[in-house]
Protein backbone atom coordinates (compact mmCIF):
# COMPACT_ATOMS: atom_id res chain seq x y z
CA UNK A 1 -35.94 -37.48 -66.06
CA UNK A 2 -35.38 -40.24 -68.64
CA UNK A 3 -38.62 -42.26 -68.60
CA UNK A 4 -36.97 -45.37 -70.11
CA UNK A 5 -35.44 -46.04 -66.68
CA UNK A 6 -37.08 -47.01 -63.41
CA UNK A 7 -35.85 -45.77 -60.04
CA UNK A 8 -35.79 -48.36 -57.24
CA UNK A 9 -35.33 -47.30 -53.63
CA UNK A 10 -35.35 -48.68 -50.13
CA UNK A 11 -35.06 -46.63 -46.93
CA UNK A 12 -33.35 -47.10 -43.60
CA UNK A 13 -34.95 -44.67 -41.16
CA UNK A 14 -33.20 -44.03 -37.84
CA UNK A 15 -35.49 -42.79 -35.09
CA UNK A 16 -34.23 -41.61 -31.71
CA UNK A 17 -36.58 -42.76 -28.97
CA UNK A 18 -38.07 -40.41 -26.38
CA UNK A 19 -36.85 -42.33 -23.34
CA UNK A 20 -35.47 -40.30 -20.45
CA UNK A 21 -32.26 -42.34 -20.26
CA UNK A 22 -30.00 -44.02 -22.79
CA UNK A 23 -30.34 -47.60 -24.00
CA UNK A 24 -27.63 -49.19 -21.82
CA UNK A 25 -26.92 -46.64 -19.06
CA UNK A 26 -28.64 -43.99 -16.94
CA UNK A 27 -27.35 -40.91 -18.80
CA UNK A 28 -29.94 -38.42 -19.98
CA UNK A 29 -31.10 -38.39 -23.59
CA UNK A 30 -31.92 -34.67 -23.46
CA UNK A 31 -30.98 -32.87 -26.66
CA UNK A 32 -28.20 -30.29 -26.48
CA UNK A 33 -26.22 -29.51 -23.36
CA UNK A 34 -22.55 -28.71 -23.18
CA UNK A 35 -20.47 -31.15 -25.27
CA UNK A 36 -19.49 -34.37 -23.50
CA UNK A 37 -21.57 -33.72 -20.37
CA UNK A 38 -24.30 -36.37 -20.93
CA UNK A 39 -21.82 -39.22 -20.75
CA UNK A 40 -20.55 -41.94 -18.40
CA UNK A 41 -18.06 -44.84 -18.55
CA UNK A 42 -20.69 -47.12 -20.14
CA UNK A 43 -21.72 -44.95 -23.11
CA UNK A 44 -18.12 -43.86 -23.75
CA UNK A 45 -16.94 -47.47 -23.84
CA UNK A 46 -14.52 -47.53 -20.92
CA UNK A 47 -12.86 -50.92 -20.25
CA UNK A 48 -14.57 -53.22 -17.78
CA UNK A 49 -18.03 -51.62 -17.81
CA UNK A 50 -21.24 -53.61 -18.34
CA UNK A 51 -24.35 -52.36 -20.15
CA UNK A 52 -27.86 -52.80 -18.74
CA UNK A 53 -30.84 -52.85 -21.11
CA UNK A 54 -33.42 -50.07 -20.81
CA UNK A 55 -36.77 -51.92 -20.79
CA UNK A 56 -38.60 -48.88 -22.16
CA UNK A 57 -36.68 -49.20 -25.44
CA UNK A 58 -38.12 -52.68 -26.04
CA UNK A 59 -41.61 -51.45 -25.09
CA UNK A 60 -41.36 -48.63 -27.64
CA UNK A 61 -40.06 -51.06 -30.28
CA UNK A 62 -42.99 -53.45 -29.75
CA UNK A 63 -45.49 -50.61 -29.87
CA UNK A 64 -43.94 -49.33 -33.11
CA UNK A 65 -43.90 -52.79 -34.67
CA UNK A 66 -47.58 -53.35 -33.93
CA UNK A 67 -48.52 -49.95 -35.38
CA UNK A 68 -46.57 -50.80 -38.56
CA UNK A 69 -48.26 -54.22 -38.93
CA UNK A 70 -45.11 -56.18 -38.07
CA UNK A 71 -44.55 -59.62 -36.61
CA UNK A 72 -42.94 -59.34 -33.17
CA UNK A 73 -39.90 -61.56 -32.59
CA UNK A 74 -40.55 -63.37 -29.32
CA UNK A 75 -36.89 -64.24 -28.72
CA UNK A 76 -34.34 -61.74 -29.96
CA UNK A 77 -30.88 -60.60 -29.00
CA UNK A 78 -28.21 -58.00 -29.64
CA UNK A 79 -25.10 -58.18 -31.83
CA UNK A 80 -21.89 -56.20 -32.10
CA UNK A 81 -21.30 -54.29 -35.31
CA UNK A 82 -17.58 -53.58 -35.41
CA UNK A 83 -16.14 -50.54 -37.13
CA UNK A 84 -13.88 -47.67 -36.21
CA UNK A 85 -15.06 -44.10 -36.49
CA UNK A 86 -14.09 -41.15 -34.28
CA UNK A 87 -17.62 -40.63 -32.91
CA UNK A 88 -17.93 -44.30 -31.87
CA UNK A 89 -15.68 -44.59 -28.80
CA UNK A 90 -16.14 -48.35 -28.32
CA UNK A 91 -15.15 -49.04 -31.95
CA UNK A 92 -18.33 -51.12 -32.18
CA UNK A 93 -22.06 -50.47 -32.11
CA UNK A 94 -24.57 -52.64 -30.28
CA UNK A 95 -27.30 -53.46 -32.80
CA UNK A 96 -29.45 -56.38 -34.01
CA UNK A 97 -28.59 -58.32 -37.15
CA UNK A 98 -29.79 -61.90 -36.73
CA UNK A 99 -32.88 -61.53 -34.53
CA UNK A 100 -34.41 -58.04 -34.93
CA UNK A 101 -37.38 -57.29 -32.71
CA UNK A 102 -39.85 -56.64 -35.58
CA UNK A 103 -40.20 -58.11 -39.07
CA UNK A 104 -42.49 -58.24 -42.12
CA UNK A 105 -44.59 -55.10 -41.68
CA UNK A 106 -46.11 -52.57 -44.04
CA UNK A 107 -47.12 -48.92 -44.36
CA UNK A 108 -49.92 -47.98 -46.75
CA UNK A 109 -49.45 -44.69 -48.60
CA UNK A 110 -51.33 -42.69 -51.22
CA UNK A 111 -49.73 -40.56 -53.94
CA UNK A 112 -51.82 -38.72 -56.56
CA UNK A 113 -54.87 -40.78 -55.63
CA UNK A 114 -53.04 -44.11 -56.05
CA UNK A 115 -52.70 -46.33 -52.99
CA UNK A 116 -49.62 -48.45 -52.44
CA UNK A 117 -48.26 -50.69 -49.69
CA UNK A 118 -44.60 -50.27 -48.68
CA UNK A 119 -43.07 -53.33 -47.04
CA UNK A 120 -41.16 -53.11 -43.78
CA UNK A 121 -38.34 -55.67 -43.87
CA UNK A 122 -37.40 -55.28 -40.21
CA UNK A 123 -37.08 -52.94 -37.25
CA UNK A 124 -34.14 -53.33 -34.93
CA UNK A 125 -32.96 -51.65 -31.76
CA UNK A 126 -29.50 -50.12 -31.53
CA UNK A 127 -27.47 -47.34 -29.93
CA UNK A 128 -26.69 -44.03 -31.58
CA UNK A 129 -23.16 -42.79 -32.17
CA UNK A 130 -21.76 -39.40 -31.18
CA UNK A 131 -21.47 -36.34 -33.37
CA UNK A 132 -18.52 -34.83 -35.23
CA UNK A 133 -18.37 -31.03 -35.20
CA UNK A 134 -16.28 -29.56 -38.01
CA UNK A 135 -14.74 -26.17 -37.20
CA UNK A 136 -13.63 -24.53 -40.46
CA UNK A 137 -12.22 -21.51 -38.60
CA UNK A 138 -9.59 -23.52 -36.73
CA UNK A 139 -9.51 -26.30 -39.35
CA UNK A 140 -10.22 -29.01 -36.76
CA UNK A 141 -12.89 -31.62 -36.11
CA UNK A 142 -14.25 -31.99 -32.59
CA UNK A 143 -16.21 -34.90 -31.12
CA UNK A 144 -19.30 -34.59 -28.92
CA UNK A 145 -20.21 -37.92 -27.28
CA UNK A 146 -23.50 -36.72 -25.71
CA UNK A 147 -25.53 -38.65 -28.30
CA UNK A 148 -23.61 -41.92 -27.79
CA UNK A 149 -25.96 -44.57 -26.46
CA UNK A 150 -29.20 -42.69 -27.22
CA UNK A 151 -31.65 -45.46 -28.17
CA UNK A 152 -32.52 -45.84 -31.84
CA UNK A 153 -34.98 -47.84 -33.88
CA UNK A 154 -33.80 -48.53 -37.40
CA UNK A 155 -36.81 -49.09 -39.64
CA UNK A 156 -35.71 -50.88 -42.83
CA UNK A 157 -38.11 -50.89 -45.77
CA UNK A 158 -38.27 -53.20 -48.73
CA UNK A 159 -37.08 -51.70 -52.07
CA UNK A 160 -40.66 -50.73 -52.93
CA UNK A 161 -40.27 -47.01 -53.71
CA UNK A 162 -40.35 -45.79 -57.30
CA UNK A 163 -40.48 -42.00 -56.87
CA UNK A 164 -39.44 -39.20 -54.54
CA UNK A 165 -43.12 -38.44 -53.88
CA UNK A 166 -43.67 -41.99 -52.59
CA UNK A 167 -40.69 -41.60 -50.25
CA UNK A 168 -42.02 -38.33 -48.82
CA UNK A 169 -45.53 -39.79 -48.39
CA UNK A 170 -44.03 -42.77 -46.51
CA UNK A 171 -41.81 -40.63 -44.28
CA UNK A 172 -44.68 -38.26 -43.50
CA UNK A 173 -46.97 -41.10 -42.48
CA UNK A 174 -44.20 -42.82 -40.53
CA UNK A 175 -43.43 -39.61 -38.64
CA UNK A 176 -47.10 -39.06 -37.79
CA UNK A 177 -47.49 -42.61 -36.46
CA UNK A 178 -44.33 -42.43 -34.34
CA UNK A 179 -45.34 -39.10 -32.83
CA UNK A 180 -48.87 -40.31 -32.01
CA UNK A 181 -47.38 -43.40 -30.36
CA UNK A 182 -45.24 -41.10 -28.23
CA UNK A 183 -42.07 -43.07 -28.99
CA UNK A 184 -40.19 -40.18 -30.65
CA UNK A 185 -40.54 -36.44 -31.21
CA UNK A 186 -39.22 -36.98 -34.79
CA UNK A 187 -37.54 -33.55 -34.85
CA UNK A 188 -35.49 -33.91 -38.01
CA UNK A 189 -33.66 -30.65 -37.30
CA UNK A 190 -32.32 -32.23 -34.08
CA UNK A 191 -31.47 -35.57 -35.69
CA UNK A 192 -34.33 -37.44 -34.00
CA UNK A 193 -35.39 -38.80 -37.40
CA UNK A 194 -32.89 -39.43 -40.19
CA UNK A 195 -33.12 -41.41 -43.41
CA UNK A 196 -30.58 -43.32 -45.46
CA UNK A 197 -31.65 -43.67 -49.10
CA UNK A 198 -30.56 -46.75 -51.05
CA UNK A 199 -31.15 -45.95 -54.71
CA UNK A 200 -30.53 -47.69 -58.02
CA UNK A 201 -31.90 -47.37 -61.53
CA UNK A 202 -32.68 -50.03 -64.14
CA UNK A 203 -34.12 -50.08 -67.66
CA UNK A 204 -37.90 -50.13 -67.58
CA UNK A 205 -39.11 -53.73 -67.55
CA UNK A 206 -35.88 -55.22 -66.22
CA UNK A 207 -36.36 -57.43 -63.13
CA UNK A 208 -32.79 -57.38 -61.82
CA UNK A 209 -31.83 -54.49 -59.58
CA UNK A 210 -29.15 -52.05 -60.67
CA UNK A 211 -26.09 -51.17 -58.57
CA UNK A 212 -27.19 -49.06 -55.64
CA UNK A 213 -25.71 -46.15 -53.80
CA UNK A 214 -26.58 -45.00 -50.30
CA UNK A 215 -27.07 -41.39 -49.20
CA UNK A 216 -26.65 -41.16 -45.44
CA UNK A 217 -28.35 -39.24 -42.62
CA UNK A 218 -30.77 -37.12 -44.64
CA UNK A 219 -32.68 -34.93 -42.19
CA UNK A 220 -35.20 -32.85 -44.12
CA UNK A 221 -37.99 -33.79 -46.52
CA UNK A 222 -36.94 -31.06 -48.95
CA UNK A 223 -33.33 -32.29 -49.07
CA UNK A 224 -34.47 -35.90 -49.45
CA UNK A 225 -36.68 -35.07 -52.43
CA UNK A 226 -33.91 -33.10 -54.15
CA UNK A 227 -31.27 -35.73 -53.40
CA UNK A 228 -33.38 -38.51 -54.96
CA UNK A 229 -33.96 -36.49 -58.12
CA UNK A 230 -30.26 -35.68 -58.42
CA UNK A 231 -28.90 -39.17 -57.71
CA UNK A 232 -31.35 -40.88 -60.10
CA UNK A 233 -30.37 -38.46 -62.86
CA UNK A 234 -26.66 -38.95 -62.10
CA UNK A 235 -26.86 -42.74 -62.30
CA UNK A 236 -28.83 -42.65 -65.57
CA UNK A 237 -26.24 -40.33 -67.10
CA UNK A 238 -23.41 -42.66 -66.00
CA UNK A 239 -25.13 -45.63 -67.67
CA UNK A 240 -26.04 -43.68 -70.81
CA UNK A 241 -22.41 -42.62 -71.22
CA UNK A 242 -21.26 -46.22 -71.10
CA UNK A 243 -20.00 -46.19 -67.50
CA UNK A 244 -20.86 -48.35 -64.51
CA UNK A 245 -22.48 -47.18 -61.29
CA UNK A 246 -20.18 -47.87 -58.33
CA UNK A 247 -21.69 -49.19 -55.10
CA UNK A 248 -20.77 -46.55 -52.57
CA UNK A 249 -21.90 -44.32 -49.73
CA UNK A 250 -22.52 -40.74 -50.82
CA UNK A 251 -22.96 -37.49 -48.94
CA UNK A 252 -25.63 -35.00 -49.96
CA UNK A 253 -24.60 -31.33 -49.93
CA UNK A 254 -27.77 -29.28 -49.80
CA UNK A 255 -25.95 -26.01 -50.50
CA UNK A 256 -24.34 -27.35 -53.67
CA UNK A 257 -27.44 -29.37 -54.64
CA UNK A 258 -25.27 -32.39 -55.37
CA UNK A 259 -24.06 -35.66 -53.82
CA UNK A 260 -20.42 -36.66 -53.40
CA UNK A 261 -18.76 -40.05 -52.93
CA UNK A 262 -17.57 -40.77 -49.36
CA UNK A 263 -16.47 -44.42 -49.39
CA UNK A 264 -17.18 -47.75 -51.01
CA UNK A 265 -20.28 -49.37 -49.56
CA UNK A 266 -19.61 -51.95 -46.85
CA UNK A 267 -21.33 -55.31 -46.67
CA UNK A 268 -22.45 -57.08 -43.51
CA UNK A 269 -19.33 -59.27 -43.38
CA UNK A 270 -17.12 -56.17 -43.29
CA UNK A 271 -18.60 -55.32 -39.88
CA UNK A 272 -17.63 -58.70 -38.36
CA UNK A 273 -20.95 -59.09 -36.54
CA UNK A 274 -21.02 -61.45 -33.58
CA UNK A 275 -23.44 -61.94 -30.65
CA UNK A 276 -23.12 -59.24 -27.97
CA UNK A 277 -21.59 -61.11 -25.00
CA UNK A 278 -22.55 -58.57 -22.32
CA UNK A 279 -26.32 -58.57 -22.89
CA UNK A 280 -28.77 -61.40 -22.31
CA UNK A 281 -31.33 -62.35 -24.98
CA UNK A 282 -34.70 -60.59 -24.72
CA UNK A 283 -37.89 -62.64 -24.56
CA UNK A 284 -41.14 -60.84 -25.38
CA UNK A 285 -44.11 -62.49 -23.67
CA UNK A 286 -47.61 -62.76 -25.14
CA UNK A 287 -48.88 -60.78 -22.15
CA UNK A 288 -46.49 -57.94 -22.96
CA UNK A 289 -47.63 -57.85 -26.59
CA UNK A 290 -51.31 -57.93 -25.60
CA UNK A 291 -50.78 -55.07 -23.17
CA UNK A 292 -49.14 -53.03 -25.96
CA UNK A 293 -52.16 -53.71 -28.18
CA UNK A 294 -54.61 -52.77 -25.42
CA UNK A 295 -52.87 -49.45 -24.70
CA UNK A 296 -52.31 -48.46 -28.32
CA UNK A 297 -53.52 -44.90 -28.95
CA UNK A 298 -55.78 -43.99 -31.84
CA UNK A 299 -53.51 -43.41 -34.83
CA UNK A 300 -53.79 -40.48 -37.30
CA UNK A 301 -55.55 -42.37 -40.10
CA UNK A 302 -58.31 -43.68 -37.81
CA UNK A 303 -58.61 -40.29 -36.13
CA UNK A 304 -59.04 -38.51 -39.50
CA UNK A 305 -61.77 -40.94 -40.54
CA UNK A 306 -63.62 -40.40 -37.24
CA UNK A 307 -63.40 -36.61 -37.46
CA UNK A 308 -64.94 -36.75 -40.95
CA UNK A 309 -67.68 -39.30 -40.27
CA UNK A 310 -68.67 -38.37 -36.69
CA UNK A 311 -67.79 -34.69 -36.32
CA UNK A 312 -68.50 -33.43 -39.83
CA UNK A 313 -65.05 -32.06 -40.64
CA UNK A 314 -63.90 -31.81 -44.23
CA UNK A 315 -61.16 -34.18 -45.40
CA UNK A 316 -58.72 -31.27 -45.68
CA UNK A 317 -59.47 -29.86 -42.21
CA UNK A 318 -59.25 -33.31 -40.61
CA UNK A 319 -55.91 -33.85 -42.34
CA UNK A 320 -54.41 -30.61 -41.04
CA UNK A 321 -55.68 -31.08 -37.47
CA UNK A 322 -54.37 -34.66 -37.25
CA UNK A 323 -51.00 -33.69 -38.78
CA UNK A 324 -49.73 -32.99 -35.25
CA UNK A 325 -50.71 -34.87 -32.10
CA UNK A 326 -50.90 -31.60 -30.12
CA UNK A 327 -53.41 -30.05 -32.55
CA UNK A 328 -55.60 -33.14 -32.40
CA UNK A 329 -55.45 -33.13 -28.59
CA UNK A 330 -56.46 -29.44 -28.45
CA UNK A 331 -59.30 -30.03 -30.93
CA UNK A 332 -60.70 -33.06 -29.12
CA UNK A 333 -60.53 -31.65 -25.59
CA UNK A 334 -62.02 -28.28 -26.56
CA UNK A 335 -64.77 -30.07 -28.50
CA UNK A 336 -65.57 -32.25 -25.47
CA UNK A 337 -65.99 -29.11 -23.36
CA UNK A 338 -68.08 -26.96 -25.71
CA UNK A 339 -69.72 -29.55 -27.98
CA UNK A 340 -69.08 -27.44 -31.10
CA UNK A 341 -66.50 -29.26 -33.27
CA UNK A 342 -66.84 -26.99 -36.31
CA UNK A 343 -66.33 -23.84 -34.21
CA UNK A 344 -63.19 -25.36 -32.66
CA UNK A 345 -62.00 -26.47 -36.09
CA UNK A 346 -62.49 -22.98 -37.53
CA UNK A 347 -60.42 -21.41 -34.75
CA UNK A 348 -57.59 -23.91 -35.21
CA UNK A 349 -57.61 -23.79 -39.01
CA UNK A 350 -57.90 -20.00 -39.10
CA UNK A 351 -56.38 -18.12 -36.17
CA UNK A 352 -54.12 -20.78 -34.69
CA UNK A 353 -52.52 -21.76 -38.00
CA UNK A 354 -52.00 -18.08 -38.84
CA UNK A 355 -50.29 -17.39 -35.52
CA UNK A 356 -48.13 -20.51 -35.80
CA UNK A 357 -46.95 -19.30 -39.19
CA UNK A 358 -46.38 -15.69 -38.12
CA UNK A 359 -44.45 -16.58 -34.97
CA UNK A 360 -42.58 -19.62 -36.30
CA UNK A 361 -44.06 -21.77 -33.53
CA UNK A 362 -44.20 -25.55 -33.91
CA UNK A 363 -47.49 -27.34 -33.03
CA UNK A 364 -45.75 -29.31 -30.28
CA UNK A 365 -44.86 -26.03 -28.56
CA UNK A 366 -48.47 -24.78 -28.36
CA UNK A 367 -49.49 -24.43 -24.69
CA UNK A 368 -53.13 -23.30 -25.04
CA UNK A 369 -55.53 -24.86 -22.55
CA UNK A 370 -58.57 -26.47 -24.22
CA UNK A 371 -60.89 -24.81 -21.66
CA UNK A 372 -59.84 -21.36 -22.88
CA UNK A 373 -60.81 -22.33 -26.43
CA UNK A 374 -64.15 -23.59 -25.13
CA UNK A 375 -64.78 -20.42 -23.09
CA UNK A 376 -63.95 -18.21 -26.09
CA UNK A 377 -66.32 -20.12 -28.35
CA UNK A 378 -69.00 -19.75 -25.68
CA UNK A 379 -68.53 -15.96 -25.67
CA UNK A 380 -68.90 -15.88 -29.47
CA UNK A 381 -71.84 -18.26 -29.88
CA UNK A 382 -73.75 -16.70 -26.97
CA UNK A 383 -73.50 -13.31 -28.69
CA UNK A 384 -71.38 -11.67 -25.99
CA UNK A 385 -68.58 -10.79 -28.44
CA UNK A 386 -68.49 -10.73 -32.21
CA UNK A 387 -66.09 -12.81 -34.31
CA UNK A 388 -63.64 -9.99 -34.96
CA UNK A 389 -63.25 -9.45 -31.22
CA UNK A 390 -62.97 -13.23 -30.91
CA UNK A 391 -59.86 -13.12 -33.12
CA UNK A 392 -58.32 -10.47 -30.87
CA UNK A 393 -59.07 -12.52 -27.75
CA UNK A 394 -57.63 -15.70 -29.31
CA UNK A 395 -54.38 -13.92 -30.15
CA UNK A 396 -54.16 -12.73 -26.53
CA UNK A 397 -54.69 -16.32 -25.36
CA UNK A 398 -51.98 -17.55 -27.71
CA UNK A 399 -49.40 -14.90 -26.84
CA UNK A 400 -50.16 -14.02 -23.22
CA UNK A 401 -52.19 -16.99 -21.91
CA UNK A 402 -55.07 -14.74 -20.81
CA UNK A 403 -58.40 -15.95 -19.41
CA UNK A 404 -60.91 -15.07 -22.18
CA UNK A 405 -63.84 -14.04 -19.94
CA UNK A 406 -61.67 -11.86 -17.69
CA UNK A 407 -59.90 -10.34 -20.70
CA UNK A 408 -63.18 -9.41 -22.41
CA UNK A 409 -64.55 -7.80 -19.24
CA UNK A 410 -61.35 -5.91 -18.43
CA UNK A 411 -61.01 -4.56 -21.98
CA UNK A 412 -64.70 -3.65 -22.25
CA UNK A 413 -65.19 -5.85 -25.30
CA UNK A 414 -68.71 -7.09 -24.56
CA UNK A 415 -70.80 -6.65 -27.68
CA UNK A 416 -72.93 -3.52 -28.02
CA UNK A 417 -76.49 -4.60 -28.79
CA UNK A 418 -78.23 -1.36 -27.82
CA UNK A 419 -80.47 -0.67 -30.85
CA UNK A 420 -80.91 3.02 -30.01
CA UNK A 421 -77.10 3.51 -29.79
CA UNK A 422 -76.63 1.68 -33.07
CA UNK A 423 -79.35 3.80 -34.74
CA UNK A 424 -77.71 6.98 -33.50
CA UNK A 425 -74.30 5.86 -34.79
CA UNK A 426 -75.65 4.75 -38.17
CA UNK A 427 -77.40 8.10 -38.67
CA UNK A 428 -74.17 9.95 -37.93
CA UNK A 429 -72.15 7.74 -40.29
CA UNK A 430 -74.68 8.32 -43.10
CA UNK A 431 -74.59 12.07 -42.47
CA UNK A 432 -70.78 12.11 -42.51
CA UNK A 433 -70.51 10.16 -45.77
CA UNK A 434 -72.76 11.72 -48.42
CA UNK A 435 -70.47 10.38 -51.18
CA UNK A 436 -71.36 6.82 -50.18
CA UNK A 437 -75.06 7.61 -50.46
CA UNK A 438 -74.49 8.99 -53.96
CA UNK A 439 -72.55 5.82 -54.87
CA UNK A 440 -75.43 3.66 -53.64
CA UNK A 441 -77.90 5.65 -55.70
CA UNK A 442 -75.60 5.05 -58.70
CA UNK A 443 -75.76 1.30 -58.09
CA UNK A 444 -72.39 0.89 -56.42
CA UNK A 445 -73.28 -1.67 -53.77
CA UNK A 446 -69.78 -1.74 -52.27
CA UNK A 447 -70.54 1.59 -50.62
CA UNK A 448 -72.82 -0.23 -48.18
CA UNK A 449 -69.90 -2.31 -46.93
CA UNK A 450 -67.96 0.90 -46.32
CA UNK A 451 -70.81 2.29 -44.19
CA UNK A 452 -70.97 -0.94 -42.17
CA UNK A 453 -67.23 -0.71 -41.57
CA UNK A 454 -67.45 2.94 -40.46
CA UNK A 455 -70.26 2.09 -38.05
CA UNK A 456 -68.28 -0.80 -36.55
CA UNK A 457 -65.27 1.47 -36.24
CA UNK A 458 -67.29 4.15 -34.47
CA UNK A 459 -68.55 1.51 -32.03
CA UNK A 460 -64.95 0.26 -31.52
CA UNK A 461 -65.69 -3.10 -33.13
CA UNK A 462 -68.03 -4.13 -30.33
CA UNK A 463 -71.34 -3.87 -32.13
CA UNK A 464 -73.42 -6.84 -33.16
CA UNK A 465 -72.91 -7.02 -36.96
CA UNK A 466 -76.45 -8.33 -37.46
CA UNK A 467 -77.91 -5.37 -35.60
CA UNK A 468 -75.73 -2.92 -37.56
CA UNK A 469 -76.79 -4.42 -40.88
CA UNK A 470 -80.47 -4.46 -39.91
CA UNK A 471 -80.49 -0.81 -38.78
CA UNK A 472 -78.42 0.35 -41.77
CA UNK A 473 -80.74 -1.43 -44.22
CA UNK A 474 -83.75 0.25 -42.62
CA UNK A 475 -82.17 3.72 -42.78
CA UNK A 476 -80.93 3.27 -46.34
CA UNK A 477 -84.31 1.98 -47.59
CA UNK A 478 -85.88 5.24 -46.39
CA UNK A 479 -83.17 7.36 -48.10
CA UNK A 480 -83.09 5.40 -51.36
CA UNK A 481 -86.85 5.22 -51.97
């Protein structure tokens, strides 16, 4: 990219909240369902209906604002944002323009070892619109109103981003915080977290902003990174060729790896905002704010620091385990039960991450009970099973939810520690593999590993590796004198 230009970006992140009902009615917020079944007269904008505020939405907004270092607006209200679009049945959206619930926050990020603070201009509550479904087969567009009225927080940053990497670092940290707070599942593939990217370029050193474009409803980190790179390059080329960047809303096409103009960018006055007449102002009490502070969960950054300083985890391991709330919960509860944080960490970082990858399972869908992890670690550290058998047992826990102690007993996996049986097996393995003995005499030390493997195989993987190695070393020292 042309280094004589600077990219300037601000983000508007829309987050669907994990409330059971919508923001102004009792309809379910559950994802999916048959089209137009999670609806009622209120969320479809029928004449004469009156909305009723869902208190949980305001609670989630306050909790989010505190976690993002915002000032909480004590007295705030809703406004109508008027525009017509097929998936907005009321022809207006209830939002907050003049008195948003949170202002003046920040999120601290780190990119390539450099720390930076990204300003949060405001966070406001609003309702989501429906969804247009384009059917290319029949050449029609259908409307599903199930999502209408699902509560949203719109988190508006300051124009503090200068690279795609900074944007991804911010979104990653924001997602982690929101998930730990329990206010959203942030499933981008389901639209629970979407980002609008406002981007402009300017000559390096210029203070005035360039003309910006907005790319709407980006719902994957990969697409966001590519879209930023493309749009910055496109704007620079327009300027270099003597043209002018047009302020507009653009649509990113991930398949074509390009953005396309949709419409000229609206300004606030085009929406004809006015105070929402059907909803009373909301007053946030000091007691409510203090309660939110008192019940705030430990957030990922603090949790990582504690895992490193108190439990001895590496920075990398602590980062992976705290990347999902469910992994951190499993780690902490299993550690409380067995008192062996590094053993629990090794199981999660090794076997669990492997199985998640192989099966395409998301961390939030892991259903392993912490006690089963603790019991398995007990079997390993007490010498009842070896680590290879431990991997087999863990996979059975993951896939079939077995009880580790019962499984080991039923499968006859208790470790063989009978020295006489091991001696007998080692002698047979040595006798059956004269080539390995010749290799050892010739200085090929790898042959010893082969003999260990053959012994373990003969004992069906249940032998104590330390006993096998001890006996084998004794037998080989006699042969190789």
